[in-house]
Amino acid sequence: DISTGKITDYIKFDTGNLCMVTGGRNLGRVGLVTNRERHPGSFDIVHVKDAAGHSFATRLSNIFIIGKGNKPWVSLPKGKGILLSIAEERDKRLAAKAATAGV
């Protein structure tokens, strides 16, 4: 609660929770935590699976939990944190351009 400064609830870092990547090559991606590899003396690795079914891994320090299960507690950006391939991005841009040209 912002007005009182009190913590009303929190989310534990567990597998199956929704997370957002806050650094590295996968910056801005959103997905479910599927696995956590512990490497003593080195960086812990977290495996994440996004809504499109793509799996990727990143360091634990780059992960921020944003929801319990697959329900986010915060509002997501317009792309819902899904990384599109270059071809998918091009097709989406061309479809939007054709839709505006046809109107």
C-alpha atoms as a PDB file:
ATOM      1  CA  ASP A   1       0.000   0.000   0.000  1.00  0.00           C
ATOM      2  CA  ILE A   2       1.674   3.215  -1.168  1.00  0.00           C
ATOM      3  CA  SER A   3      -0.289   5.658   1.011  1.00  0.00           C
ATOM      4  CA  THR A   4       0.615   3.951   4.308  1.00  0.00           C
ATOM      5  CA  GLY A   5       3.976   2.504   3.209  1.00  0.00           C
ATOM      6  CA  LYS A   6       2.982  -0.957   4.405  1.00  0.00           C
ATOM      7  CA  ILE A   7       3.641  -4.242   2.570  1.00  0.00           C
ATOM      8  CA  THR A   8       0.322  -6.020   2.013  1.00  0.00           C
ATOM      9  CA  ASP A   9       1.560  -9.125   0.162  1.00  0.00           C
ATOM     10  CA  TYR A  10       4.655 -10.519  -1.517  1.00  0.00           C
ATOM     11  CA  ILE A  11       5.638 -13.175  -4.058  1.00  0.00           C
ATOM     12  CA  LYS A  12       8.290 -15.803  -3.357  1.00  0.00           C
ATOM     13  CA  PHE A  13      10.894 -16.712  -5.978  1.00  0.00           C
ATOM     14  CA  ASP A  14       9.536 -20.138  -7.000  1.00  0.00           C
ATOM     15  CA  THR A  15       9.242 -22.121 -10.196  1.00  0.00           C
ATOM     16  CA  GLY A  16       5.922 -21.511 -11.940  1.00  0.00           C
ATOM     17  CA  ASN A  17       5.783 -17.789 -11.086  1.00  0.00           C
ATOM     18  CA  LEU A  18       5.697 -15.052 -13.716  1.00  0.00           C
ATOM     19  CA  CYS A  19       8.877 -13.025 -14.123  1.00  0.00           C
ATOM     20  CA  MET A  20      10.322 -10.210 -16.203  1.00  0.00           C
ATOM     21  CA  VAL A  21      13.939 -10.074 -17.338  1.00  0.00           C
ATOM     22  CA  THR A  22      15.567  -6.815 -16.214  1.00  0.00           C
ATOM     23  CA  GLY A  23      18.979  -7.151 -17.878  1.00  0.00           C
ATOM     24  CA  GLY A  24      21.069  -8.975 -20.458  1.00  0.00           C
ATOM     25  CA  ARG A  25      20.214 -10.069 -23.964  1.00  0.00           C
ATOM     26  CA  ASN A  26      16.623 -11.030 -23.033  1.00  0.00           C
ATOM     27  CA  LEU A  27      15.806  -7.626 -21.522  1.00  0.00           C
ATOM     28  CA  GLY A  28      12.063  -6.983 -21.257  1.00  0.00           C
ATOM     29  CA  ARG A  29      10.935 -10.548 -21.876  1.00  0.00           C
ATOM     30  CA  VAL A  30       8.196 -12.003 -19.665  1.00  0.00           C
ATOM     31  CA  GLY A  31       7.660 -15.672 -18.886  1.00  0.00           C
ATOM     32  CA  LEU A  32       7.227 -18.433 -16.319  1.00  0.00           C
ATOM     33  CA  VAL A  33      10.199 -19.599 -14.256  1.00  0.00           C
ATOM     34  CA  THR A  34      10.659 -23.276 -15.149  1.00  0.00           C
ATOM     35  CA  ASN A  35      13.948 -24.136 -13.456  1.00  0.00           C
ATOM     36  CA  ARG A  36      16.711 -22.652 -11.305  1.00  0.00           C
ATOM     37  CA  GLU A  37      20.271 -23.976 -11.471  1.00  0.00           C
ATOM     38  CA  ARG A  38      22.420 -23.229  -8.439  1.00  0.00           C
ATOM     39  CA  HIS A  39      26.134 -22.759  -9.126  1.00  0.00           C
ATOM     40  CA  PRO A  40      28.042 -22.071  -5.894  1.00  0.00           C
ATOM     41  CA  GLY A  41      30.825 -19.557  -6.494  1.00  0.00           C
ATOM     42  CA  SER A  42      29.387 -18.555  -9.849  1.00  0.00           C
ATOM     43  CA  PHE A  43      26.161 -17.121 -11.281  1.00  0.00           C
ATOM     44  CA  ASP A  44      22.890 -18.959 -10.672  1.00  0.00           C
ATOM     45  CA  ILE A  45      21.000 -19.626 -13.918  1.00  0.00           C
ATOM     46  CA  VAL A  46      17.203 -19.368 -14.276  1.00  0.00           C
ATOM     47  CA  HIS A  47      15.318 -21.030 -17.148  1.00  0.00           C
ATOM     48  CA  VAL A  48      12.222 -19.171 -18.354  1.00  0.00           C
ATOM     49  CA  LYS A  49       9.463 -20.106 -20.827  1.00  0.00           C
ATOM     50  CA  ASP A  50       7.473 -17.281 -22.443  1.00  0.00           C
ATOM     51  CA  ALA A  51       3.844 -17.251 -23.613  1.00  0.00           C
ATOM     52  CA  ALA A  52       4.871 -18.135 -27.180  1.00  0.00           C
ATOM     53  CA  GLY A  53       6.505 -21.351 -25.907  1.00  0.00           C
ATOM     54  CA  HIS A  54      10.101 -20.190 -26.389  1.00  0.00           C
ATOM     55  CA  SER A  55      12.517 -21.157 -23.612  1.00  0.00           C
ATOM     56  CA  PHE A  56      15.597 -19.165 -22.638  1.00  0.00           C
ATOM     57  CA  ALA A  57      18.016 -18.910 -19.722  1.00  0.00           C
ATOM     58  CA  THR A  58      19.507 -15.927 -17.916  1.00  0.00           C
ATOM     59  CA  ARG A  59      21.297 -15.055 -14.686  1.00  0.00           C
ATOM     60  CA  LEU A  60      19.321 -14.942 -11.466  1.00  0.00           C
ATOM     61  CA  SER A  61      20.268 -11.283 -10.937  1.00  0.00           C
ATOM     62  CA  ASN A  62      18.441 -10.384 -14.198  1.00  0.00           C
ATOM     63  CA  ILE A  63      15.092 -11.839 -13.033  1.00  0.00           C
ATOM     64  CA  PHE A  64      12.297  -9.916 -11.280  1.00  0.00           C
ATOM     65  CA  ILE A  65       9.168 -11.827 -10.189  1.00  0.00           C
ATOM     66  CA  ILE A  66       6.012  -9.927 -11.224  1.00  0.00           C
ATOM     67  CA  GLY A  67       3.176 -12.398 -10.593  1.00  0.00           C
ATOM     68  CA  LYS A  68       1.947 -15.579  -8.938  1.00  0.00           C
ATOM     69  CA  GLY A  69       1.331 -18.453 -11.336  1.00  0.00           C
ATOM     70  CA  ASN A  70       0.732 -16.968 -14.773  1.00  0.00           C
ATOM     71  CA  LYS A  71      -1.243 -13.942 -13.538  1.00  0.00           C
ATOM     72  CA  PRO A  72       0.785 -10.689 -13.456  1.00  0.00           C
ATOM     73  CA  TRP A  73       0.401  -8.316 -10.485  1.00  0.00           C
ATOM     74  CA  VAL A  74       1.595  -5.395 -12.634  1.00  0.00           C
ATOM     75  CA  SER A  75       0.496  -4.116 -16.029  1.00  0.00           C
ATOM     76  CA  LEU A  76       2.561  -5.467 -18.923  1.00  0.00           C
ATOM     77  CA  PRO A  77       3.815  -3.534 -21.981  1.00  0.00           C
ATOM     78  CA  LYS A  78       1.873  -3.728 -25.261  1.00  0.00           C
ATOM     79  CA  GLY A  79       3.783  -6.756 -26.615  1.00  0.00           C
ATOM     80  CA  LYS A  80       3.200  -8.671 -23.359  1.00  0.00           C
ATOM     81  CA  GLY A  81       6.961  -9.254 -23.129  1.00  0.00           C
ATOM     82  CA  ILE A  82       7.142 -11.695 -26.053  1.00  0.00           C
ATOM     83  CA  LEU A  83      10.248 -11.456 -28.234  1.00  0.00           C
ATOM     84  CA  LEU A  84       9.390 -11.725 -31.926  1.00  0.00           C
ATOM     85  CA  SER A  85      11.835 -13.057 -34.477  1.00  0.00           C
ATOM     86  CA  ILE A  86      12.941 -10.675 -37.211  1.00  0.00           C
ATOM     87  CA  ALA A  87      10.574 -12.311 -39.731  1.00  0.00           C
ATOM     88  CA  GLU A  88       7.597 -12.177 -37.324  1.00  0.00           C
ATOM     89  CA  GLU A  89       8.313  -8.527 -36.563  1.00  0.00           C
ATOM     90  CA  ARG A  90       8.488  -7.682 -40.282  1.00  0.00           C
ATOM     91  CA  ASP A  91       5.206  -9.494 -41.029  1.00  0.00           C
ATOM     92  CA  LYS A  92       3.452  -7.689 -38.167  1.00  0.00           C
ATOM     93  CA  ARG A  93       4.764  -4.296 -39.351  1.00  0.00           C
ATOM     94  CA  LEU A  94       3.713  -4.957 -42.974  1.00  0.00           C
ATOM     95  CA  ALA A  95       0.246  -6.104 -41.886  1.00  0.00           C
ATOM     96  CA  ALA A  96      -0.218  -2.925 -39.829  1.00  0.00           C
ATOM     97  CA  LYS A  97       0.981  -0.803 -42.776  1.00  0.00           C
ATOM     98  CA  ALA A  98      -1.424  -2.564 -45.163  1.00  0.00           C
ATOM     99  CA  ALA A  99      -4.311  -2.081 -42.725  1.00  0.00           C
ATOM    100  CA  THR A 100      -3.704   1.665 -42.459  1.00  0.00           C
ATOM    101  CA  ALA A 101      -3.219   2.023 -46.238  1.00  0.00           C
ATOM    102  CA  GLY A 102      -6.490   0.184 -46.911  1.00  0.00           C
ATOM    103  CA  VAL A 103      -8.541   2.530 -44.722  1.00  0.00           C
END
